[in-house]
Amino acid sequence: GEKAFGLDSNGDLTLTFKPVLKGWLFTKIAKKISYFDGSQLMDV
């Protein structure tokens, strides 16, 4: 979304996901992926 992090009425930090995704972008089958966890590539 346009702004993930924000502040609530008390001034506390919040995180709100507001993705703009078409349904066809979601997988139709189970998949294995690799991503970087900050130190190394991880397979999930």
PDB file of all heavy atoms in Angstrom:
ATOM      1  N   GLY A   1       0.817  -1.200   0.000  1.00  0.00           N
ATOM      2  CA  GLY A   1       0.000   0.000   0.000  1.00  0.00           C
ATOM      3  C   GLY A   1       0.854   1.254   0.000  1.00  0.00           C
ATOM      4  O   GLY A   1       2.079   1.205   0.061  1.00  0.00           O
ATOM      5  N   GLU A   2       0.182   2.383  -0.068  1.00  0.00           N
ATOM      6  CA  GLU A   2       0.870   3.671  -0.157  1.00  0.00           C
ATOM      7  C   GLU A   2       1.674   3.991   1.099  1.00  0.00           C
ATOM      8  O   GLU A   2       2.738   4.577   1.046  1.00  0.00           O
ATOM      9  CB  GLU A   2      -0.157   4.776  -0.403  1.00  0.00           C
ATOM     10  CG  GLU A   2       0.426   6.140  -0.707  1.00  0.00           C
ATOM     11  CD  GLU A   2       0.979   6.275  -2.125  1.00  0.00           C
ATOM     12  OE1 GLU A   2       0.391   5.709  -3.047  1.00  0.00           O
ATOM     13  OE2 GLU A   2       2.006   6.953  -2.284  1.00  0.00           O
ATOM     14  N   LYS A   3       1.141   3.607   2.260  1.00  0.00           N
ATOM     15  CA  LYS A   3       1.810   3.939   3.521  1.00  0.00           C
ATOM     16  C   LYS A   3       1.578   2.816   4.520  1.00  0.00           C
ATOM     17  O   LYS A   3       0.519   2.735   5.147  1.00  0.00           O
ATOM     18  CB  LYS A   3       1.280   5.260   4.069  1.00  0.00           C
ATOM     19  CG  LYS A   3       2.014   5.764   5.309  1.00  0.00           C
ATOM     20  CD  LYS A   3       1.443   7.094   5.781  1.00  0.00           C
ATOM     21  CE  LYS A   3       2.177   7.599   7.020  1.00  0.00           C
ATOM     22  NZ  LYS A   3       1.608   8.873   7.517  1.00  0.00           N
ATOM     23  N   ALA A   4       2.559   1.940   4.673  1.00  0.00           N
ATOM     24  CA  ALA A   4       2.402   0.781   5.552  1.00  0.00           C
ATOM     25  C   ALA A   4       2.459   1.175   7.030  1.00  0.00           C
ATOM     26  O   ALA A   4       1.597   0.794   7.823  1.00  0.00           O
ATOM     27  CB  ALA A   4       3.478  -0.255   5.246  1.00  0.00           C
ATOM     28  N   PHE A   5       3.478   1.919   7.407  1.00  0.00           N
ATOM     29  CA  PHE A   5       3.632   2.328   8.806  1.00  0.00           C
ATOM     30  C   PHE A   5       2.929   3.658   9.058  1.00  0.00           C
ATOM     31  O   PHE A   5       2.926   4.551   8.211  1.00  0.00           O
ATOM     32  CB  PHE A   5       5.115   2.465   9.171  1.00  0.00           C
ATOM     33  CG  PHE A   5       5.833   1.155   9.305  1.00  0.00           C
ATOM     34  CD1 PHE A   5       6.676   0.699   8.295  1.00  0.00           C
ATOM     35  CD2 PHE A   5       5.661   0.360  10.428  1.00  0.00           C
ATOM     36  CE1 PHE A   5       7.334  -0.516   8.410  1.00  0.00           C
ATOM     37  CE2 PHE A   5       6.311  -0.849  10.556  1.00  0.00           C
ATOM     38  CZ  PHE A   5       7.155  -1.295   9.543  1.00  0.00           C
ATOM     39  N   GLY A   6       2.329   3.764  10.239  1.00  0.00           N
ATOM     40  CA  GLY A   6       1.654   4.998  10.605  1.00  0.00           C
ATOM     41  C   GLY A   6       1.539   5.107  12.116  1.00  0.00           C
ATOM     42  O   GLY A   6       2.160   4.327  12.857  1.00  0.00           O
ATOM     43  N   LEU A   7       0.734   6.044  12.585  1.00  0.00           N
ATOM     44  CA  LEU A   7       0.520   6.256  14.017  1.00  0.00           C
ATOM     45  C   LEU A   7      -0.968   6.185  14.310  1.00  0.00           C
ATOM     46  O   LEU A   7      -1.790   6.684  13.538  1.00  0.00           O
ATOM     47  CB  LEU A   7       1.066   7.611  14.455  1.00  0.00           C
ATOM     48  CG  LEU A   7       2.568   7.867  14.255  1.00  0.00           C
ATOM     49  CD1 LEU A   7       2.915   9.302  14.652  1.00  0.00           C
ATOM     50  CD2 LEU A   7       3.404   6.873  15.056  1.00  0.00           C
ATOM     51  N   ASP A   8      -1.312   5.565  15.443  1.00  0.00           N
ATOM     52  CA  ASP A   8      -2.720   5.527  15.831  1.00  0.00           C
ATOM     53  C   ASP A   8      -3.082   6.795  16.600  1.00  0.00           C
ATOM     54  O   ASP A   8      -2.272   7.732  16.708  1.00  0.00           O
ATOM     55  CB  ASP A   8      -3.027   4.266  16.649  1.00  0.00           C
ATOM     56  CG  ASP A   8      -2.249   4.194  17.967  1.00  0.00           C
ATOM     57  OD1 ASP A   8      -1.724   5.237  18.421  1.00  0.00           O
ATOM     58  OD2 ASP A   8      -2.173   3.100  18.553  1.00  0.00           O
ATOM     59  N   SER A   9      -4.293   6.841  17.158  1.00  0.00           N
ATOM     60  CA  SER A   9      -4.774   8.040  17.849  1.00  0.00           C
ATOM     61  C   SER A   9      -3.968   8.374  19.100  1.00  0.00           C
ATOM     62  O   SER A   9      -3.992   9.510  19.581  1.00  0.00           O
ATOM     63  CB  SER A   9      -6.255   7.865  18.227  1.00  0.00           C
ATOM     64  OG  SER A   9      -6.425   6.718  19.038  1.00  0.00           O
ATOM     65  N   ASN A  10      -3.243   7.374  19.621  1.00  0.00           N
ATOM     66  CA  ASN A  10      -2.407   7.608  20.801  1.00  0.00           C
ATOM     67  C   ASN A  10      -0.956   7.920  20.438  1.00  0.00           C
ATOM     68  O   ASN A  10      -0.120   8.092  21.322  1.00  0.00           O
ATOM     69  CB  ASN A  10      -2.438   6.375  21.711  1.00  0.00           C
ATOM     70  CG  ASN A  10      -3.819   6.096  22.265  1.00  0.00           C
ATOM     71  OD1 ASN A  10      -4.532   7.025  22.655  1.00  0.00           O
ATOM     72  ND2 ASN A  10      -4.210   4.830  22.292  1.00  0.00           N
ATOM     73  N   GLY A  11      -0.678   7.969  19.149  1.00  0.00           N
ATOM     74  CA  GLY A  11       0.681   8.252  18.711  1.00  0.00           C
ATOM     75  C   GLY A  11       1.575   7.029  18.679  1.00  0.00           C
ATOM     76  O   GLY A  11       2.801   7.165  18.553  1.00  0.00           O
ATOM     77  N   ASP A  12       0.980   5.834  18.794  1.00  0.00           N
ATOM     78  CA  ASP A  12       1.757   4.596  18.762  1.00  0.00           C
ATOM     79  C   ASP A  12       1.905   4.076  17.335  1.00  0.00           C
ATOM     80  O   ASP A  12       1.007   4.244  16.505  1.00  0.00           O
ATOM     81  CB  ASP A  12       1.083   3.516  19.621  1.00  0.00           C
ATOM     82  CG  ASP A  12       1.134   3.853  21.103  1.00  0.00           C
ATOM     83  OD1 ASP A  12       2.120   4.487  21.532  1.00  0.00           O
ATOM     84  OD2 ASP A  12       0.174   3.499  21.827  1.00  0.00           O
ATOM     85  N   LEU A  13       3.026   3.418  17.084  1.00  0.00           N
ATOM     86  CA  LEU A  13       3.329   2.901  15.754  1.00  0.00           C
ATOM     87  C   LEU A  13       2.365   1.781  15.356  1.00  0.00           C
ATOM     88  O   LEU A  13       2.036   0.915  16.160  1.00  0.00           O
ATOM     89  CB  LEU A  13       4.765   2.387  15.720  1.00  0.00           C
ATOM     90  CG  LEU A  13       5.313   1.932  14.361  1.00  0.00           C
ATOM     91  CD1 LEU A  13       5.483   3.128  13.433  1.00  0.00           C
ATOM     92  CD2 LEU A  13       6.634   1.191  14.541  1.00  0.00           C
ATOM     93  N   THR A  14       1.929   1.796  14.108  1.00  0.00           N
ATOM     94  CA  THR A  14       1.083   0.737  13.556  1.00  0.00           C
ATOM     95  C   THR A  14       1.641   0.294  12.202  1.00  0.00           C
ATOM     96  O   THR A  14       2.377   1.030  11.549  1.00  0.00           O
ATOM     97  CB  THR A  14      -0.369   1.203  13.349  1.00  0.00           C
ATOM     98  OG1 THR A  14      -0.384   2.278  12.400  1.00  0.00           O
ATOM     99  CG2 THR A  14      -0.993   1.649  14.649  1.00  0.00           C
ATOM    100  N   LEU A  15       1.272  -0.909  11.813  1.00  0.00           N
ATOM    101  CA  LEU A  15       1.616  -1.436  10.495  1.00  0.00           C
ATOM    102  C   LEU A  15       0.353  -2.022   9.888  1.00  0.00           C
ATOM    103  O   LEU A  15      -0.276  -2.901  10.474  1.00  0.00           O
ATOM    104  CB  LEU A  15       2.705  -2.510  10.593  1.00  0.00           C
ATOM    105  CG  LEU A  15       3.007  -3.308   9.314  1.00  0.00           C
ATOM    106  CD1 LEU A  15       3.451  -2.385   8.189  1.00  0.00           C
ATOM    107  CD2 LEU A  15       4.076  -4.369   9.599  1.00  0.00           C
ATOM    108  N   THR A  16      -0.024  -1.519   8.727  1.00  0.00           N
ATOM    109  CA  THR A  16      -1.238  -1.976   8.062  1.00  0.00           C
ATOM    110  C   THR A  16      -0.922  -2.327   6.613  1.00  0.00           C
ATOM    111  O   THR A  16      -0.444  -1.483   5.852  1.00  0.00           O
ATOM    112  CB  THR A  16      -2.335  -0.897   8.093  1.00  0.00           C
ATOM    113  OG1 THR A  16      -2.557  -0.485   9.446  1.00  0.00           O
ATOM    114  CG2 THR A  16      -3.626  -1.421   7.498  1.00  0.00           C
ATOM    115  N   PHE A  17      -1.177  -3.570   6.244  1.00  0.00           N
ATOM    116  CA  PHE A  17      -0.971  -4.001   4.866  1.00  0.00           C
ATOM    117  C   PHE A  17      -2.241  -3.722   4.057  1.00  0.00           C
ATOM    118  O   PHE A  17      -3.334  -4.167   4.422  1.00  0.00           O
ATOM    119  CB  PHE A  17      -0.648  -5.496   4.814  1.00  0.00           C
ATOM    120  CG  PHE A  17       0.683  -5.861   5.399  1.00  0.00           C
ATOM    121  CD1 PHE A  17       0.768  -6.587   6.570  1.00  0.00           C
ATOM    122  CD2 PHE A  17       1.863  -5.465   4.771  1.00  0.00           C
ATOM    123  CE1 PHE A  17       1.995  -6.936   7.113  1.00  0.00           C
ATOM    124  CE2 PHE A  17       3.099  -5.798   5.306  1.00  0.00           C
ATOM    125  CZ  PHE A  17       3.170  -6.524   6.474  1.00  0.00           C
ATOM    126  N   LYS A  18      -2.094  -2.962   2.984  1.00  0.00           N
ATOM    127  CA  LYS A  18      -3.199  -2.679   2.070  1.00  0.00           C
ATOM    128  C   LYS A  18      -2.744  -2.955   0.635  1.00  0.00           C
ATOM    129  O   LYS A  18      -2.584  -2.038  -0.177  1.00  0.00           O
ATOM    130  CB  LYS A  18      -3.669  -1.234   2.216  1.00  0.00           C
ATOM    131  CG  LYS A  18      -4.311  -0.923   3.565  1.00  0.00           C
ATOM    132  CD  LYS A  18      -4.798   0.521   3.623  1.00  0.00           C
ATOM    133  CE  LYS A  18      -5.472   0.809   4.960  1.00  0.00           C
ATOM    134  NZ  LYS A  18      -5.946   2.221   5.026  1.00  0.00           N
ATOM    135  N   PRO A  19      -2.520  -4.231   0.315  1.00  0.00           N
ATOM    136  CA  PRO A  19      -2.001  -4.561  -1.019  1.00  0.00           C
ATOM    137  C   PRO A  19      -3.004  -4.289  -2.122  1.00  0.00           C
ATOM    138  O   PRO A  19      -4.224  -4.310  -1.896  1.00  0.00           O
ATOM    139  CB  PRO A  19      -1.701  -6.057  -0.904  1.00  0.00           C
ATOM    140  CG  PRO A  19      -2.642  -6.551   0.140  1.00  0.00           C
ATOM    141  CD  PRO A  19      -2.743  -5.434   1.146  1.00  0.00           C
ATOM    142  N   VAL A  20      -2.478  -4.027  -3.297  1.00  0.00           N
ATOM    143  CA  VAL A  20      -3.303  -3.824  -4.493  1.00  0.00           C
ATOM    144  C   VAL A  20      -2.921  -4.927  -5.480  1.00  0.00           C
ATOM    145  O   VAL A  20      -2.088  -4.736  -6.370  1.00  0.00           O
ATOM    146  CB  VAL A  20      -3.066  -2.427  -5.108  1.00  0.00           C
ATOM    147  CG1 VAL A  20      -3.985  -2.212  -6.306  1.00  0.00           C
ATOM    148  CG2 VAL A  20      -3.274  -1.335  -4.068  1.00  0.00           C
ATOM    149  N   LEU A  21      -3.515  -6.097  -5.298  1.00  0.00           N
ATOM    150  CA  LEU A  21      -3.112  -7.278  -6.064  1.00  0.00           C
ATOM    151  C   LEU A  21      -4.312  -7.915  -6.753  1.00  0.00           C
ATOM    152  O   LEU A  21      -5.360  -8.110  -6.153  1.00  0.00           O
ATOM    153  CB  LEU A  21      -2.466  -8.320  -5.136  1.00  0.00           C
ATOM    154  CG  LEU A  21      -1.205  -7.889  -4.389  1.00  0.00           C
ATOM    155  CD1 LEU A  21      -0.833  -8.930  -3.350  1.00  0.00           C
ATOM    156  CD2 LEU A  21      -0.055  -7.664  -5.364  1.00  0.00           C
ATOM    157  N   LYS A  22      -4.125  -8.261  -8.025  1.00  0.00           N
ATOM    158  CA  LYS A  22      -5.140  -9.012  -8.752  1.00  0.00           C
ATOM    159  C   LYS A  22      -5.114 -10.469  -8.299  1.00  0.00           C
ATOM    160  O   LYS A  22      -4.069 -11.006  -7.936  1.00  0.00           O
ATOM    161  CB  LYS A  22      -4.892  -8.947 -10.259  1.00  0.00           C
ATOM    162  CG  LYS A  22      -5.192  -7.609 -10.888  1.00  0.00           C
ATOM    163  CD  LYS A  22      -6.694  -7.315 -10.925  1.00  0.00           C
ATOM    164  CE  LYS A  22      -7.431  -8.143 -11.940  1.00  0.00           C
ATOM    165  NZ  LYS A  22      -8.876  -7.794 -12.024  1.00  0.00           N
ATOM    166  N   GLY A  23      -6.254 -11.105  -8.360  1.00  0.00           N
ATOM    167  CA  GLY A  23      -6.350 -12.484  -7.921  1.00  0.00           C
ATOM    168  C   GLY A  23      -5.438 -13.431  -8.683  1.00  0.00           C
ATOM    169  O   GLY A  23      -4.936 -14.408  -8.119  1.00  0.00           O
ATOM    170  N   TRP A  24      -5.184 -13.145  -9.963  1.00  0.00           N
ATOM    171  CA  TRP A  24      -4.351 -14.055 -10.757  1.00  0.00           C
ATOM    172  C   TRP A  24      -2.880 -14.024 -10.341  1.00  0.00           C
ATOM    173  O   TRP A  24      -2.102 -14.894 -10.755  1.00  0.00           O
ATOM    174  CB  TRP A  24      -4.496 -13.777 -12.255  1.00  0.00           C
ATOM    175  CG  TRP A  24      -4.147 -12.396 -12.717  1.00  0.00           C
ATOM    176  CD1 TRP A  24      -5.015 -11.377 -12.993  1.00  0.00           C
ATOM    177  CD2 TRP A  24      -2.841 -11.875 -13.002  1.00  0.00           C
ATOM    178  NE1 TRP A  24      -4.337 -10.259 -13.414  1.00  0.00           N
ATOM    179  CE2 TRP A  24      -3.005 -10.539 -13.434  1.00  0.00           C
ATOM    180  CE3 TRP A  24      -1.557 -12.404 -12.939  1.00  0.00           C
ATOM    181  CZ2 TRP A  24      -1.925  -9.731 -13.790  1.00  0.00           C
ATOM    182  CZ3 TRP A  24      -0.480 -11.597 -13.294  1.00  0.00           C
ATOM    183  CH2 TRP A  24      -0.676 -10.280 -13.710  1.00  0.00           C
ATOM    184  N   LEU A  25      -2.493 -13.069  -9.518  1.00  0.00           N
ATOM    185  CA  LEU A  25      -1.104 -13.017  -9.039  1.00  0.00           C
ATOM    186  C   LEU A  25      -0.836 -14.048  -7.939  1.00  0.00           C
ATOM    187  O   LEU A  25       0.323 -14.328  -7.624  1.00  0.00           O
ATOM    188  CB  LEU A  25      -0.775 -11.614  -8.525  1.00  0.00           C
ATOM    189  CG  LEU A  25      -0.538 -10.546  -9.601  1.00  0.00           C
ATOM    190  CD1 LEU A  25      -0.536  -9.156  -8.979  1.00  0.00           C
ATOM    191  CD2 LEU A  25       0.769 -10.800 -10.329  1.00  0.00           C
ATOM    192  N   PHE A  26      -1.891 -14.604  -7.363  1.00  0.00           N
ATOM    193  CA  PHE A  26      -1.717 -15.626  -6.333  1.00  0.00           C
ATOM    194  C   PHE A  26      -1.506 -16.988  -6.999  1.00  0.00           C
ATOM    195  O   PHE A  26      -2.077 -17.277  -8.044  1.00  0.00           O
ATOM    196  CB  PHE A  26      -2.942 -15.655  -5.411  1.00  0.00           C
ATOM    197  CG  PHE A  26      -3.069 -14.438  -4.546  1.00  0.00           C
ATOM    198  CD1 PHE A  26      -3.627 -13.268  -5.038  1.00  0.00           C
ATOM    199  CD2 PHE A  26      -2.611 -14.448  -3.237  1.00  0.00           C
ATOM    200  CE1 PHE A  26      -3.730 -12.130  -4.253  1.00  0.00           C
ATOM    201  CE2 PHE A  26      -2.703 -13.315  -2.434  1.00  0.00           C
ATOM    202  CZ  PHE A  26      -3.258 -12.153  -2.945  1.00  0.00           C
ATOM    203  N   THR A  27      -0.675 -17.815  -6.379  1.00  0.00           N
ATOM    204  CA  THR A  27      -0.302 -19.088  -6.976  1.00  0.00           C
ATOM    205  C   THR A  27      -1.494 -20.043  -7.071  1.00  0.00           C
ATOM    206  O   THR A  27      -2.379 -20.039  -6.217  1.00  0.00           O
ATOM    207  CB  THR A  27       0.802 -19.780  -6.158  1.00  0.00           C
ATOM    208  OG1 THR A  27       0.308 -20.028  -4.827  1.00  0.00           O
ATOM    209  CG2 THR A  27       2.040 -18.912  -6.069  1.00  0.00           C
ATOM    210  N   LYS A  28      -1.464 -20.869  -8.114  1.00  0.00           N
ATOM    211  CA  LYS A  28      -2.489 -21.904  -8.283  1.00  0.00           C
ATOM    212  C   LYS A  28      -2.033 -23.239  -7.698  1.00  0.00           C
ATOM    213  O   LYS A  28      -2.851 -24.110  -7.429  1.00  0.00           O
ATOM    214  CB  LYS A  28      -2.820 -22.077  -9.758  1.00  0.00           C
ATOM    215  CG  LYS A  28      -3.537 -20.898 -10.389  1.00  0.00           C
ATOM    216  CD  LYS A  28      -3.872 -21.196 -11.837  1.00  0.00           C
ATOM    217  CE  LYS A  28      -4.622 -20.041 -12.481  1.00  0.00           C
ATOM    218  NZ  LYS A  28      -4.956 -20.325 -13.899  1.00  0.00           N
ATOM    219  N   ILE A  29      -0.721 -23.399  -7.539  1.00  0.00           N
ATOM    220  CA  ILE A  29      -0.162 -24.643  -7.002  1.00  0.00           C
ATOM    221  C   ILE A  29       0.869 -24.299  -5.928  1.00  0.00           C
ATOM    222  O   ILE A  29       1.344 -23.163  -5.852  1.00  0.00           O
ATOM    223  CB  ILE A  29       0.505 -25.491  -8.107  1.00  0.00           C
ATOM    224  CG1 ILE A  29       1.643 -24.698  -8.767  1.00  0.00           C
ATOM    225  CG2 ILE A  29      -0.525 -25.940  -9.144  1.00  0.00           C
ATOM    226  CD1 ILE A  29       2.453 -25.499  -9.758  1.00  0.00           C
ATOM    227  N   ALA A  30       1.210 -25.294  -5.116  1.00  0.00           N
ATOM    228  CA  ALA A  30       2.257 -25.097  -4.103  1.00  0.00           C
ATOM    229  C   ALA A  30       3.601 -24.875  -4.803  1.00  0.00           C
ATOM    230  O   ALA A  30       3.864 -25.467  -5.851  1.00  0.00           O
ATOM    231  CB  ALA A  30       2.331 -26.316  -3.194  1.00  0.00           C
ATOM    232  N   LYS A  31       4.438 -24.030  -4.220  1.00  0.00           N
ATOM    233  CA  LYS A  31       5.716 -23.707  -4.845  1.00  0.00           C
ATOM    234  C   LYS A  31       6.829 -23.590  -3.818  1.00  0.00           C
ATOM    235  O   LYS A  31       6.586 -23.282  -2.650  1.00  0.00           O
ATOM    236  CB  LYS A  31       5.614 -22.384  -5.619  1.00  0.00           C
ATOM    237  CG  LYS A  31       4.831 -22.460  -6.906  1.00  0.00           C
ATOM    238  CD  LYS A  31       4.988 -21.183  -7.713  1.00  0.00           C
ATOM    239  CE  LYS A  31       4.309 -21.303  -9.061  1.00  0.00           C
ATOM    240  NZ  LYS A  31       4.531 -20.099  -9.901  1.00  0.00           N
ATOM    241  N   LYS A  32       8.044 -23.838  -4.287  1.00  0.00           N
ATOM    242  CA  LYS A  32       9.235 -23.595  -3.483  1.00  0.00           C
ATOM    243  C   LYS A  32       9.867 -22.293  -3.957  1.00  0.00           C
ATOM    244  O   LYS A  32      10.001 -22.063  -5.145  1.00  0.00           O
ATOM    245  CB  LYS A  32      10.226 -24.747  -3.612  1.00  0.00           C
ATOM    246  CG  LYS A  32       9.764 -26.041  -2.961  1.00  0.00           C
ATOM    247  CD  LYS A  32      10.837 -27.118  -3.062  1.00  0.00           C
ATOM    248  CE  LYS A  32      10.388 -28.401  -2.361  1.00  0.00           C
ATOM    249  NZ  LYS A  32      11.435 -29.459  -2.437  1.00  0.00           N
ATOM    250  N   ILE A  33      10.252 -21.433  -3.010  1.00  0.00           N
ATOM    251  CA  ILE A  33      10.873 -20.162  -3.366  1.00  0.00           C
ATOM    252  C   ILE A  33      12.143 -19.963  -2.539  1.00  0.00           C
ATOM    253  O   ILE A  33      12.373 -20.655  -1.542  1.00  0.00           O
ATOM    254  CB  ILE A  33       9.926 -18.969  -3.120  1.00  0.00           C
ATOM    255  CG1 ILE A  33       9.658 -18.806  -1.610  1.00  0.00           C
ATOM    256  CG2 ILE A  33       8.640 -19.125  -3.892  1.00  0.00           C
ATOM    257  CD1 ILE A  33       9.045 -17.469  -1.258  1.00  0.00           C
ATOM    258  N   SER A  34      12.953 -19.022  -2.962  1.00  0.00           N
ATOM    259  CA  SER A  34      14.135 -18.610  -2.206  1.00  0.00           C
ATOM    260  C   SER A  34      14.011 -17.134  -1.899  1.00  0.00           C
ATOM    261  O   SER A  34      13.562 -16.356  -2.731  1.00  0.00           O
ATOM    262  CB  SER A  34      15.410 -18.874  -3.011  1.00  0.00           C
ATOM    263  OG  SER A  34      15.586 -20.247  -3.268  1.00  0.00           O
ATOM    264  N   TYR A  35      14.378 -16.761  -0.679  1.00  0.00           N
ATOM    265  CA  TYR A  35      14.364 -15.350  -0.319  1.00  0.00           C
ATOM    266  C   TYR A  35      15.552 -15.057   0.593  1.00  0.00           C
ATOM    267  O   TYR A  35      16.106 -15.955   1.234  1.00  0.00           O
ATOM    268  CB  TYR A  35      13.050 -14.955   0.360  1.00  0.00           C
ATOM    269  CG  TYR A  35      12.957 -15.319   1.827  1.00  0.00           C
ATOM    270  CD1 TYR A  35      13.183 -14.370   2.818  1.00  0.00           C
ATOM    271  CD2 TYR A  35      12.642 -16.617   2.223  1.00  0.00           C
ATOM    272  CE1 TYR A  35      13.119 -14.692   4.163  1.00  0.00           C
ATOM    273  CE2 TYR A  35      12.561 -16.949   3.574  1.00  0.00           C
ATOM    274  CZ  TYR A  35      12.805 -15.991   4.526  1.00  0.00           C
ATOM    275  OH  TYR A  35      12.744 -16.306   5.856  1.00  0.00           O
ATOM    276  N   PHE A  36      15.945 -13.789   0.648  1.00  0.00           N
ATOM    277  CA  PHE A  36      17.085 -13.362   1.455  1.00  0.00           C
ATOM    278  C   PHE A  36      16.598 -12.939   2.829  1.00  0.00           C
ATOM    279  O   PHE A  36      15.749 -12.059   2.955  1.00  0.00           O
ATOM    280  CB  PHE A  36      17.799 -12.195   0.769  1.00  0.00           C
ATOM    281  CG  PHE A  36      19.058 -11.761   1.455  1.00  0.00           C
ATOM    282  CD1 PHE A  36      20.174 -12.577   1.480  1.00  0.00           C
ATOM    283  CD2 PHE A  36      19.127 -10.525   2.079  1.00  0.00           C
ATOM    284  CE1 PHE A  36      21.339 -12.174   2.117  1.00  0.00           C
ATOM    285  CE2 PHE A  36      20.286 -10.110   2.709  1.00  0.00           C
ATOM    286  CZ  PHE A  36      21.399 -10.944   2.730  1.00  0.00           C
ATOM    287  N   ASP A  37      17.105 -13.592   3.882  1.00  0.00           N
ATOM    288  CA  ASP A  37      16.633 -13.299   5.243  1.00  0.00           C
ATOM    289  C   ASP A  37      17.496 -12.274   5.968  1.00  0.00           C
ATOM    290  O   ASP A  37      17.388 -12.111   7.185  1.00  0.00           O
ATOM    291  CB  ASP A  37      16.559 -14.584   6.064  1.00  0.00           C
ATOM    292  CG  ASP A  37      17.937 -15.141   6.426  1.00  0.00           C
ATOM    293  OD1 ASP A  37      18.951 -14.672   5.859  1.00  0.00           O
ATOM    294  OD2 ASP A  37      18.012 -16.045   7.289  1.00  0.00           O
ATOM    295  N   GLY A  38      18.340 -11.579   5.222  1.00  0.00           N
ATOM    296  CA  GLY A  38      19.222 -10.580   5.814  1.00  0.00           C
ATOM    297  C   GLY A  38      20.655 -11.034   5.901  1.00  0.00           C
ATOM    298  O   GLY A  38      21.566 -10.209   5.983  1.00  0.00           O
ATOM    299  N   SER A  39      20.861 -12.354   5.858  1.00  0.00           N
ATOM    300  CA  SER A  39      22.223 -12.884   5.932  1.00  0.00           C
ATOM    301  C   SER A  39      22.500 -13.963   4.892  1.00  0.00           C
ATOM    302  O   SER A  39      23.625 -14.141   4.463  1.00  0.00           O
ATOM    303  CB  SER A  39      22.498 -13.447   7.333  1.00  0.00           C
ATOM    304  OG  SER A  39      21.599 -14.502   7.644  1.00  0.00           O
ATOM    305  N   GLN A  40      21.437 -14.676   4.480  1.00  0.00           N
ATOM    306  CA  GLN A  40      21.630 -15.761   3.516  1.00  0.00           C
ATOM    307  C   GLN A  40      20.329 -16.058   2.779  1.00  0.00           C
ATOM    308  O   GLN A  40      19.253 -15.624   3.186  1.00  0.00           O
ATOM    309  CB  GLN A  40      22.106 -17.024   4.234  1.00  0.00           C
ATOM    310  CG  GLN A  40      21.113 -17.544   5.264  1.00  0.00           C
ATOM    311  CD  GLN A  40      21.606 -18.770   6.003  1.00  0.00           C
ATOM    312  OE1 GLN A  40      22.414 -19.527   5.493  1.00  0.00           O
ATOM    313  NE2 GLN A  40      21.109 -18.974   7.219  1.00  0.00           N
ATOM    314  N   LEU A  41      20.448 -16.802   1.673  1.00  0.00           N
ATOM    315  CA  LEU A  41      19.269 -17.221   0.936  1.00  0.00           C
ATOM    316  C   LEU A  41      18.605 -18.384   1.664  1.00  0.00           C
ATOM    317  O   LEU A  41      19.270 -19.335   2.080  1.00  0.00           O
ATOM    318  CB  LEU A  41      19.638 -17.642  -0.485  1.00  0.00           C
ATOM    319  CG  LEU A  41      19.831 -16.526  -1.512  1.00  0.00           C
ATOM    320  CD1 LEU A  41      20.300 -17.111  -2.837  1.00  0.00           C
ATOM    321  CD2 LEU A  41      18.543 -15.736  -1.711  1.00  0.00           C
ATOM    322  N   MET A  42      17.303 -18.312   1.809  1.00  0.00           N
ATOM    323  CA  MET A  42      16.537 -19.348   2.478  1.00  0.00           C
ATOM    324  C   MET A  42      15.558 -19.968   1.491  1.00  0.00           C
ATOM    325  O   MET A  42      14.909 -19.268   0.707  1.00  0.00           O
ATOM    326  CB  MET A  42      15.772 -18.759   3.656  1.00  0.00           C
ATOM    327  CG  MET A  42      16.649 -18.099   4.715  1.00  0.00           C
ATOM    328  SD  MET A  42      17.632 -19.297   5.644  1.00  0.00           S
ATOM    329  CE  MET A  42      16.337 -20.123   6.570  1.00  0.00           C
ATOM    330  N   ASP A  43      15.442 -21.290   1.523  1.00  0.00           N
ATOM    331  CA  ASP A  43      14.473 -22.000   0.694  1.00  0.00           C
ATOM    332  C   ASP A  43      13.258 -22.357   1.533  1.00  0.00           C
ATOM    333  O   ASP A  43      13.391 -22.937   2.616  1.00  0.00           O
ATOM    334  CB  ASP A  43      15.096 -23.271   0.114  1.00  0.00           C
ATOM    335  CG  ASP A  43      16.239 -22.978  -0.841  1.00  0.00           C
ATOM    336  OD1 ASP A  43      16.129 -21.979  -1.577  1.00  0.00           O
ATOM    337  OD2 ASP A  43      17.218 -23.740  -0.851  1.00  0.00           O
ATOM    338  N   VAL A  44      12.077 -22.001   1.046  1.00  0.00           N
ATOM    339  CA  VAL A  44      10.848 -22.313   1.766  1.00  0.00           C
ATOM    340  C   VAL A  44       9.808 -22.844   0.785  1.00  0.00           C
ATOM    341  O   VAL A  44       9.839 -22.547  -0.409  1.00  0.00           O
ATOM    342  CB  VAL A  44      10.268 -21.074   2.498  1.00  0.00           C
ATOM    343  CG1 VAL A  44      11.211 -20.588   3.579  1.00  0.00           C
ATOM    344  CG2 VAL A  44       9.969 -19.958   1.516  1.00  0.00           C
TER     345      VAL A  44
END
